[in-house]
Amino acid sequence: MTAGVWTGTVSPLRGPAAGLLAQFAVLGGLTAAVGLGAGGWVTGTVYALALCALLARAMHRSGLRVFGPANAVTLSRATLVGGVTALVTEARTPVAVLVVLASVALVLDGVDGVVARRTGSTSPFGARFDGEVDAFLILVLSVYVSYHLGWWVLAIGAFRYAFVAAGWHFTWLRGDLPVRYSRKTVAAVQGVVLVTAASGLLPGLVAGVLVAAALAALIWSFGRDIAYLHRTYA
């Protein structure tokens, strides 16, 4: 993340390259373990190249001089998300493997922030990187769960992207929001609920009610933030 505090790490340009290699390693591991098909490889490759390009561009724009240990943890999460993305496109998704990869990615979500604070390497870039990985994982999981519960589940994954898109027209939506732990809690719940629903361990009705409750909490959280931004900046 920020330079100067943590020096025993890779240069910024090596971060995206390492992520690209790690992503192909994950895809190769999935091929050996569950026979990842051509569709999964195409999806995983597109994801890996896009991640590498976007990450390099973002680091260049932010003036990042060292990649940092916390960003390395987030990049590890991103490669797991790439594996989940590849699996979702398979005709017969190996559910157990998908759940394991997604669960590890969710658990590591609490690690990169701790590493950043302990190494004094927090930065806006790191926070944005972490948030984008979270958002994309939720989007991919919502796509998979929608296969079983219905198209409405996609709203969970699309909410954040719709909010960002709306900000292109309504500039007041780009204002600063106060720190609220309830927002973080609601965001974390989405991943846990979607992974639980994806596992198939719950009856369909129970899974549907659980996901609907998570969506309701998300609507409440976004609605409160939108109302605050409108009052403050509109």
Protein backbone atom coordinates (compact mmCIF):
# COMPACT_ATOMS: atom_id res chain seq x y z
CA MET A 1 0.00 0.00 0.00
CA THR A 2 1.68 3.27 0.96
CA ALA A 3 5.43 3.35 0.51
CA GLY A 4 8.10 3.83 3.15
CA VAL A 5 6.61 1.90 6.07
CA TRP A 6 6.93 -1.61 4.70
CA THR A 7 9.92 -2.20 2.44
CA GLY A 8 10.30 -5.98 2.36
CA THR A 9 7.82 -6.52 -0.43
CA VAL A 10 7.55 -6.63 -4.19
CA SER A 11 7.56 -3.61 -6.48
CA PRO A 12 4.16 -2.48 -7.77
CA LEU A 13 4.73 -3.76 -11.30
CA ARG A 14 5.43 -7.26 -10.01
CA GLY A 15 2.14 -7.38 -8.12
CA PRO A 16 -0.16 -7.69 -11.15
CA ALA A 17 2.28 -10.08 -12.86
CA ALA A 18 2.40 -12.30 -9.77
CA GLY A 19 -1.40 -12.23 -9.64
CA LEU A 20 -1.60 -13.29 -13.29
CA LEU A 21 0.68 -16.26 -12.69
CA ALA A 22 -1.16 -17.18 -9.49
CA GLN A 23 -4.49 -17.10 -11.32
CA PHE A 24 -3.26 -19.53 -13.96
CA ALA A 25 -1.91 -21.73 -11.17
CA VAL A 26 -5.38 -21.77 -9.58
CA LEU A 27 -6.99 -22.64 -12.91
CA GLY A 28 -4.45 -25.42 -13.41
CA GLY A 29 -5.17 -26.75 -9.94
CA LEU A 30 -8.90 -26.76 -10.65
CA THR A 31 -8.29 -28.60 -13.90
CA ALA A 32 -6.35 -31.28 -12.07
CA ALA A 33 -8.84 -31.51 -9.22
CA VAL A 34 -12.23 -31.27 -10.93
CA GLY A 35 -11.50 -31.19 -14.66
CA LEU A 36 -12.12 -27.50 -15.36
CA GLY A 37 -13.49 -27.24 -18.89
CA ALA A 38 -12.81 -24.91 -21.79
CA GLY A 39 -15.51 -22.49 -20.70
CA GLY A 40 -13.99 -22.20 -17.26
CA TRP A 41 -10.55 -21.62 -18.73
CA VAL A 42 -11.79 -18.91 -21.07
CA THR A 43 -13.64 -17.15 -18.26
CA GLY A 44 -10.71 -17.51 -15.88
CA THR A 45 -8.25 -16.22 -18.46
CA VAL A 46 -10.35 -13.17 -19.28
CA TYR A 47 -10.71 -12.49 -15.56
CA ALA A 48 -6.96 -12.86 -14.98
CA LEU A 49 -6.01 -10.52 -17.83
CA ALA A 50 -8.60 -7.93 -16.82
CA LEU A 51 -7.48 -8.03 -13.19
CA CYS A 52 -3.83 -7.63 -14.18
CA ALA A 53 -4.56 -4.68 -16.49
CA LEU A 54 -6.93 -2.89 -14.10
CA LEU A 55 -4.63 -3.40 -11.14
CA ALA A 56 -1.58 -2.07 -13.01
CA ARG A 57 -3.56 0.96 -14.19
CA ALA A 58 -4.90 1.70 -10.72
CA MET A 59 -1.45 1.43 -9.14
CA HIS A 60 0.04 3.73 -11.76
CA ARG A 61 -2.68 6.33 -11.20
CA SER A 62 -2.27 6.17 -7.43
CA GLY A 63 1.52 6.51 -7.62
CA LEU A 64 2.07 3.29 -5.68
CA ARG A 65 5.79 2.55 -5.18
CA VAL A 66 5.57 -0.79 -3.35
CA PHE A 67 2.80 -3.36 -3.50
CA GLY A 68 2.64 -4.09 0.21
CA PRO A 69 1.78 -7.19 2.26
CA ALA A 70 -1.89 -6.30 2.72
CA ASN A 71 -2.35 -5.84 -1.02
CA ALA A 72 -0.70 -9.22 -1.48
CA VAL A 73 -3.37 -10.78 0.75
CA THR A 74 -6.09 -9.02 -1.23
CA LEU A 75 -4.52 -10.23 -4.48
CA SER A 76 -4.60 -13.79 -3.10
CA ARG A 77 -8.30 -13.31 -2.43
CA ALA A 78 -8.76 -11.99 -5.96
CA THR A 79 -7.22 -15.15 -7.45
CA LEU A 80 -9.62 -17.28 -5.40
CA VAL A 81 -12.48 -15.17 -6.72
CA GLY A 82 -11.17 -15.86 -10.21
CA GLY A 83 -11.42 -19.57 -9.46
CA VAL A 84 -15.00 -19.15 -8.25
CA THR A 85 -15.82 -17.19 -11.41
CA ALA A 86 -14.41 -19.95 -13.62
CA LEU A 87 -16.38 -22.63 -11.74
CA VAL A 88 -19.67 -20.76 -12.03
CA THR A 89 -19.46 -20.92 -15.84
CA GLU A 90 -19.09 -24.71 -15.85
CA ALA A 91 -22.04 -26.77 -17.04
CA ARG A 92 -21.75 -28.89 -13.88
CA THR A 93 -20.28 -26.72 -11.17
CA PRO A 94 -18.41 -28.66 -8.45
CA VAL A 95 -20.30 -27.08 -5.58
CA ALA A 96 -18.00 -28.25 -2.78
CA VAL A 97 -14.93 -26.71 -4.43
CA LEU A 98 -16.79 -23.48 -5.19
CA VAL A 99 -17.92 -23.20 -1.56
CA VAL A 100 -14.41 -23.83 -0.24
CA LEU A 101 -12.79 -21.22 -2.50
CA ALA A 102 -15.48 -18.63 -1.75
CA SER A 103 -15.32 -19.33 1.99
CA VAL A 104 -11.54 -18.90 2.11
CA ALA A 105 -11.86 -15.65 0.15
CA LEU A 106 -14.42 -14.40 2.68
CA VAL A 107 -12.28 -15.38 5.65
CA LEU A 108 -9.25 -13.60 4.18
CA ASP A 109 -11.36 -10.47 3.88
CA GLY A 110 -10.70 -9.87 7.54
CA VAL A 111 -6.97 -10.49 7.20
CA ASP A 112 -5.82 -7.84 4.72
CA GLY A 113 -7.16 -5.00 6.86
CA VAL A 114 -5.40 -6.33 9.95
CA VAL A 115 -2.15 -6.71 8.01
CA ALA A 116 -2.44 -3.18 6.65
CA ARG A 117 -2.95 -1.68 10.10
CA ARG A 118 -0.16 -3.67 11.73
CA THR A 119 2.34 -2.80 9.01
CA GLY A 120 1.25 0.83 8.80
CA SER A 121 0.44 0.40 5.11
CA THR A 122 -3.21 1.46 4.85
CA SER A 123 -4.11 3.51 1.78
CA PRO A 124 -7.12 4.54 -0.35
CA PHE A 125 -5.82 2.24 -3.08
CA GLY A 126 -5.80 -0.77 -0.72
CA ALA A 127 -9.29 0.00 0.57
CA ARG A 128 -10.62 0.34 -3.00
CA PHE A 129 -8.90 -2.87 -4.11
CA ASP A 130 -10.37 -4.75 -1.15
CA GLY A 131 -13.84 -3.38 -1.82
CA GLU A 132 -13.77 -4.24 -5.52
CA VAL A 133 -12.77 -7.84 -4.79
CA ASP A 134 -15.62 -8.12 -2.26
CA ALA A 135 -18.14 -6.67 -4.71
CA PHE A 136 -17.15 -8.96 -7.55
CA LEU A 137 -17.28 -12.07 -5.37
CA ILE A 138 -20.80 -11.13 -4.27
CA LEU A 139 -21.79 -10.58 -7.90
CA VAL A 140 -20.47 -13.98 -9.00
CA LEU A 141 -22.09 -15.78 -6.07
CA SER A 142 -25.41 -14.06 -6.74
CA VAL A 143 -25.24 -15.28 -10.35
CA TYR A 144 -24.73 -18.87 -9.21
CA VAL A 145 -27.44 -18.76 -6.55
CA SER A 146 -29.86 -17.18 -9.05
CA TYR A 147 -29.68 -20.39 -11.09
CA HIS A 148 -31.50 -22.13 -8.24
CA LEU A 149 -33.58 -19.43 -6.52
CA GLY A 150 -34.48 -17.08 -9.37
CA TRP A 151 -33.31 -13.96 -11.18
CA TRP A 152 -34.18 -11.69 -8.24
CA VAL A 153 -31.04 -12.85 -6.39
CA LEU A 154 -28.98 -10.95 -8.98
CA ALA A 155 -30.10 -7.75 -7.26
CA ILE A 156 -27.68 -8.51 -4.42
CA GLY A 157 -24.69 -8.55 -6.74
CA ALA A 158 -25.91 -5.70 -8.94
CA PHE A 159 -26.79 -3.22 -6.18
CA ARG A 160 -23.31 -1.84 -5.67
CA TYR A 161 -22.61 -1.53 -9.40
CA ALA A 162 -25.95 0.18 -9.99
CA PHE A 163 -25.09 2.63 -7.20
CA VAL A 164 -21.74 3.45 -8.82
CA ALA A 165 -23.34 3.83 -12.25
CA ALA A 166 -25.98 6.18 -10.83
CA GLY A 167 -23.16 8.30 -9.43
CA TRP A 168 -22.00 9.08 -12.96
CA HIS A 169 -25.22 11.08 -13.44
CA PHE A 170 -26.12 12.12 -9.90
CA THR A 171 -22.87 13.59 -8.61
CA TRP A 172 -24.18 13.88 -5.06
CA LEU A 173 -24.04 10.09 -4.82
CA ARG A 174 -20.24 10.38 -4.89
CA GLY A 175 -20.10 12.23 -1.58
CA ASP A 176 -18.29 10.89 1.46
CA LEU A 177 -20.23 8.58 3.73
CA PRO A 178 -19.74 8.38 7.49
CA VAL A 179 -18.12 5.22 8.83
CA ARG A 180 -20.83 2.79 9.90
CA TYR A 181 -20.10 -0.69 11.16
CA SER A 182 -23.64 -1.71 10.31
CA ARG A 183 -22.79 -1.14 6.62
CA LYS A 184 -19.78 -3.44 6.91
CA THR A 185 -21.85 -6.02 8.75
CA VAL A 186 -24.56 -6.03 6.10
CA ALA A 187 -21.93 -6.38 3.36
CA ALA A 188 -20.30 -9.32 5.16
CA VAL A 189 -23.66 -11.02 5.66
CA GLN A 190 -24.29 -11.04 1.90
CA GLY A 191 -21.25 -13.23 1.25
CA VAL A 192 -21.98 -15.63 4.11
CA VAL A 193 -25.63 -16.03 3.11
CA LEU A 194 -24.84 -16.53 -0.58
CA VAL A 195 -22.18 -19.15 0.15
CA THR A 196 -24.61 -20.94 2.47
CA ALA A 197 -27.32 -20.89 -0.19
CA ALA A 198 -24.83 -22.03 -2.86
CA SER A 199 -23.80 -25.03 -0.74
CA GLY A 200 -27.20 -26.67 -1.20
CA LEU A 201 -27.24 -27.74 2.43
CA LEU A 202 -30.47 -25.88 3.15
CA PRO A 203 -33.93 -26.69 1.77
CA GLY A 204 -34.86 -24.44 -1.13
CA LEU A 205 -37.51 -22.54 0.82
CA VAL A 206 -35.20 -21.88 3.76
CA ALA A 207 -32.40 -20.75 1.46
CA GLY A 208 -34.80 -18.45 -0.36
CA VAL A 209 -36.02 -16.83 2.84
CA LEU A 210 -32.44 -16.37 4.06
CA VAL A 211 -31.31 -14.76 0.81
CA ALA A 212 -34.42 -12.55 0.72
CA ALA A 213 -33.64 -11.35 4.24
CA ALA A 214 -30.06 -10.55 3.19
CA LEU A 215 -31.38 -8.59 0.21
CA ALA A 216 -33.79 -6.68 2.46
CA ALA A 217 -30.89 -5.73 4.74
CA LEU A 218 -28.88 -4.58 1.72
CA ILE A 219 -31.76 -2.43 0.48
CA TRP A 220 -32.05 -0.86 3.92
CA SER A 221 -28.31 -0.16 4.10
CA PHE A 222 -28.11 1.37 0.63
CA GLY A 223 -31.35 3.29 1.19
CA ARG A 224 -30.02 4.86 4.36
CA ASP A 225 -26.77 5.88 2.66
CA ILE A 226 -28.57 7.31 -0.35
CA ALA A 227 -30.85 9.31 1.90
CA TYR A 228 -27.83 10.67 3.79
CA LEU A 229 -26.04 11.64 0.57
CA HIS A 230 -29.13 13.36 -0.78
CA ARG A 231 -29.60 15.38 2.40
CA THR A 232 -25.93 16.32 2.58
CA TYR A 233 -24.86 16.90 -1.03
CA ALA A 234 -27.89 17.22 -3.31
